[in-house]
Amino acid sequence: MKIYMLSLLAGLLVGVVYGLINVRSPAPPVVALIGLLGILLGEQAVPLAKRFLSPDPVSIGWVKERCGEHVFGALPGPTSTDNSSADTNKHQS
């Protein structure tokens, strides 16, 4: 979660600087986000193409391990305390 907050704060800082010097964002937000997605996917096209050209098979596990975290980042998940409280709530019902 910390990395997401830092990213948001960095974006806000850049936005404030743009506002102070009266510069418009170089692209509409949706266009910029789609462009960033294209960059991330394009970066993964090279290792994927190399894997297709090699004798090694391309498996879903390999794609998840090699490409998944780079494209999506470390996705937030339940913590150990969340699981234990959920189990406790189930037993109390």
Protein backbone atom coordinates (compact mmCIF):
# COMPACT_ATOMS: atom_id res chain seq x y z
CA MET A 1 0.00 0.00 0.00
CA LYS A 2 2.93 2.31 0.74
CA ILE A 3 4.15 2.19 -2.87
CA TYR A 4 0.69 3.20 -4.12
CA MET A 5 0.60 6.18 -1.78
CA LEU A 6 4.09 7.25 -2.84
CA SER A 7 3.09 6.98 -6.48
CA LEU A 8 -0.05 9.05 -5.87
CA LEU A 9 1.95 11.68 -3.97
CA ALA A 10 4.53 11.87 -6.76
CA GLY A 11 1.73 12.36 -9.28
CA LEU A 12 0.14 15.06 -7.17
CA LEU A 13 3.48 16.83 -6.84
CA VAL A 14 3.96 16.81 -10.61
CA GLY A 15 0.39 18.08 -11.02
CA VAL A 16 1.06 20.97 -8.63
CA VAL A 17 4.25 21.87 -10.50
CA TYR A 18 2.35 21.78 -13.82
CA GLY A 19 -0.30 24.04 -12.28
CA LEU A 20 2.25 26.50 -10.92
CA ILE A 21 3.98 26.93 -14.27
CA ASN A 22 0.69 26.88 -16.23
CA VAL A 23 1.48 23.77 -18.25
CA ARG A 24 -1.23 21.35 -19.31
CA SER A 25 -0.73 17.61 -18.89
CA PRO A 26 0.81 16.17 -22.07
CA ALA A 27 -2.08 13.73 -22.54
CA PRO A 28 -5.58 13.25 -21.22
CA PRO A 29 -5.49 10.94 -18.17
CA VAL A 30 -7.19 7.97 -19.86
CA VAL A 31 -4.89 8.21 -22.88
CA ALA A 32 -1.86 8.40 -20.60
CA LEU A 33 -2.95 5.35 -18.59
CA ILE A 34 -3.59 3.31 -21.72
CA GLY A 35 -0.16 4.34 -22.97
CA LEU A 36 1.44 3.19 -19.72
CA LEU A 37 -0.38 -0.14 -19.99
CA GLY A 38 0.97 -0.50 -23.52
CA ILE A 39 4.49 0.14 -22.28
CA LEU A 40 4.16 -2.50 -19.56
CA LEU A 41 2.73 -5.09 -21.94
CA GLY A 42 5.29 -4.24 -24.61
CA GLU A 43 8.13 -4.81 -22.15
CA GLN A 44 6.82 -8.32 -21.56
CA ALA A 45 6.43 -9.08 -25.27
CA VAL A 46 10.19 -9.52 -25.72
CA PRO A 47 10.75 -12.26 -23.07
CA LEU A 48 7.50 -13.93 -24.14
CA ALA A 49 8.59 -13.97 -27.80
CA LYS A 50 12.01 -15.34 -26.80
CA ARG A 51 10.29 -18.09 -24.82
CA PHE A 52 8.04 -18.97 -27.79
CA LEU A 53 11.12 -19.24 -30.01
CA SER A 54 13.00 -21.42 -27.54
CA PRO A 55 12.38 -25.16 -27.15
CA ASP A 56 11.00 -24.57 -23.62
CA PRO A 57 7.20 -24.54 -23.36
CA VAL A 58 5.27 -21.43 -22.36
CA SER A 59 3.06 -22.23 -19.39
CA ILE A 60 0.61 -20.10 -17.43
CA GLY A 61 2.86 -20.51 -14.39
CA TRP A 62 5.85 -19.15 -16.31
CA VAL A 63 3.84 -16.15 -17.53
CA LYS A 64 2.55 -15.41 -14.02
CA GLU A 65 6.02 -15.74 -12.51
CA ARG A 66 7.91 -13.87 -15.22
CA CYS A 67 5.38 -11.22 -16.31
CA GLY A 68 2.56 -10.99 -13.80
CA GLU A 69 4.15 -9.07 -10.96
CA HIS A 70 5.95 -6.70 -13.32
CA VAL A 71 2.70 -5.73 -15.04
CA PHE A 72 0.39 -5.66 -12.03
CA GLY A 73 2.85 -5.09 -9.19
CA ALA A 74 2.58 -6.91 -5.90
CA LEU A 75 -1.17 -6.95 -5.53
CA PRO A 76 -2.48 -6.33 -2.03
CA GLY A 77 -3.88 -9.37 -0.30
CA PRO A 78 -5.19 -10.39 3.07
CA THR A 79 -2.76 -10.23 5.94
CA SER A 80 -2.37 -12.98 8.50
CA THR A 81 -4.35 -10.94 11.05
CA ASP A 82 -7.22 -10.53 8.56
CA ASN A 83 -7.42 -14.30 8.08
CA SER A 84 -7.41 -15.06 11.78
CA SER A 85 -10.18 -12.55 12.50
CA ALA A 86 -12.24 -13.94 9.61
CA ASP A 87 -11.84 -17.45 11.01
CA THR A 88 -12.84 -16.24 14.47
CA ASN A 89 -15.95 -14.58 13.06
CA LYS A 90 -16.94 -17.79 11.27
CA HIS A 91 -16.72 -19.80 14.49
CA GLN A 92 -18.76 -17.25 16.43
CA SER A 93 -21.71 -17.40 14.01
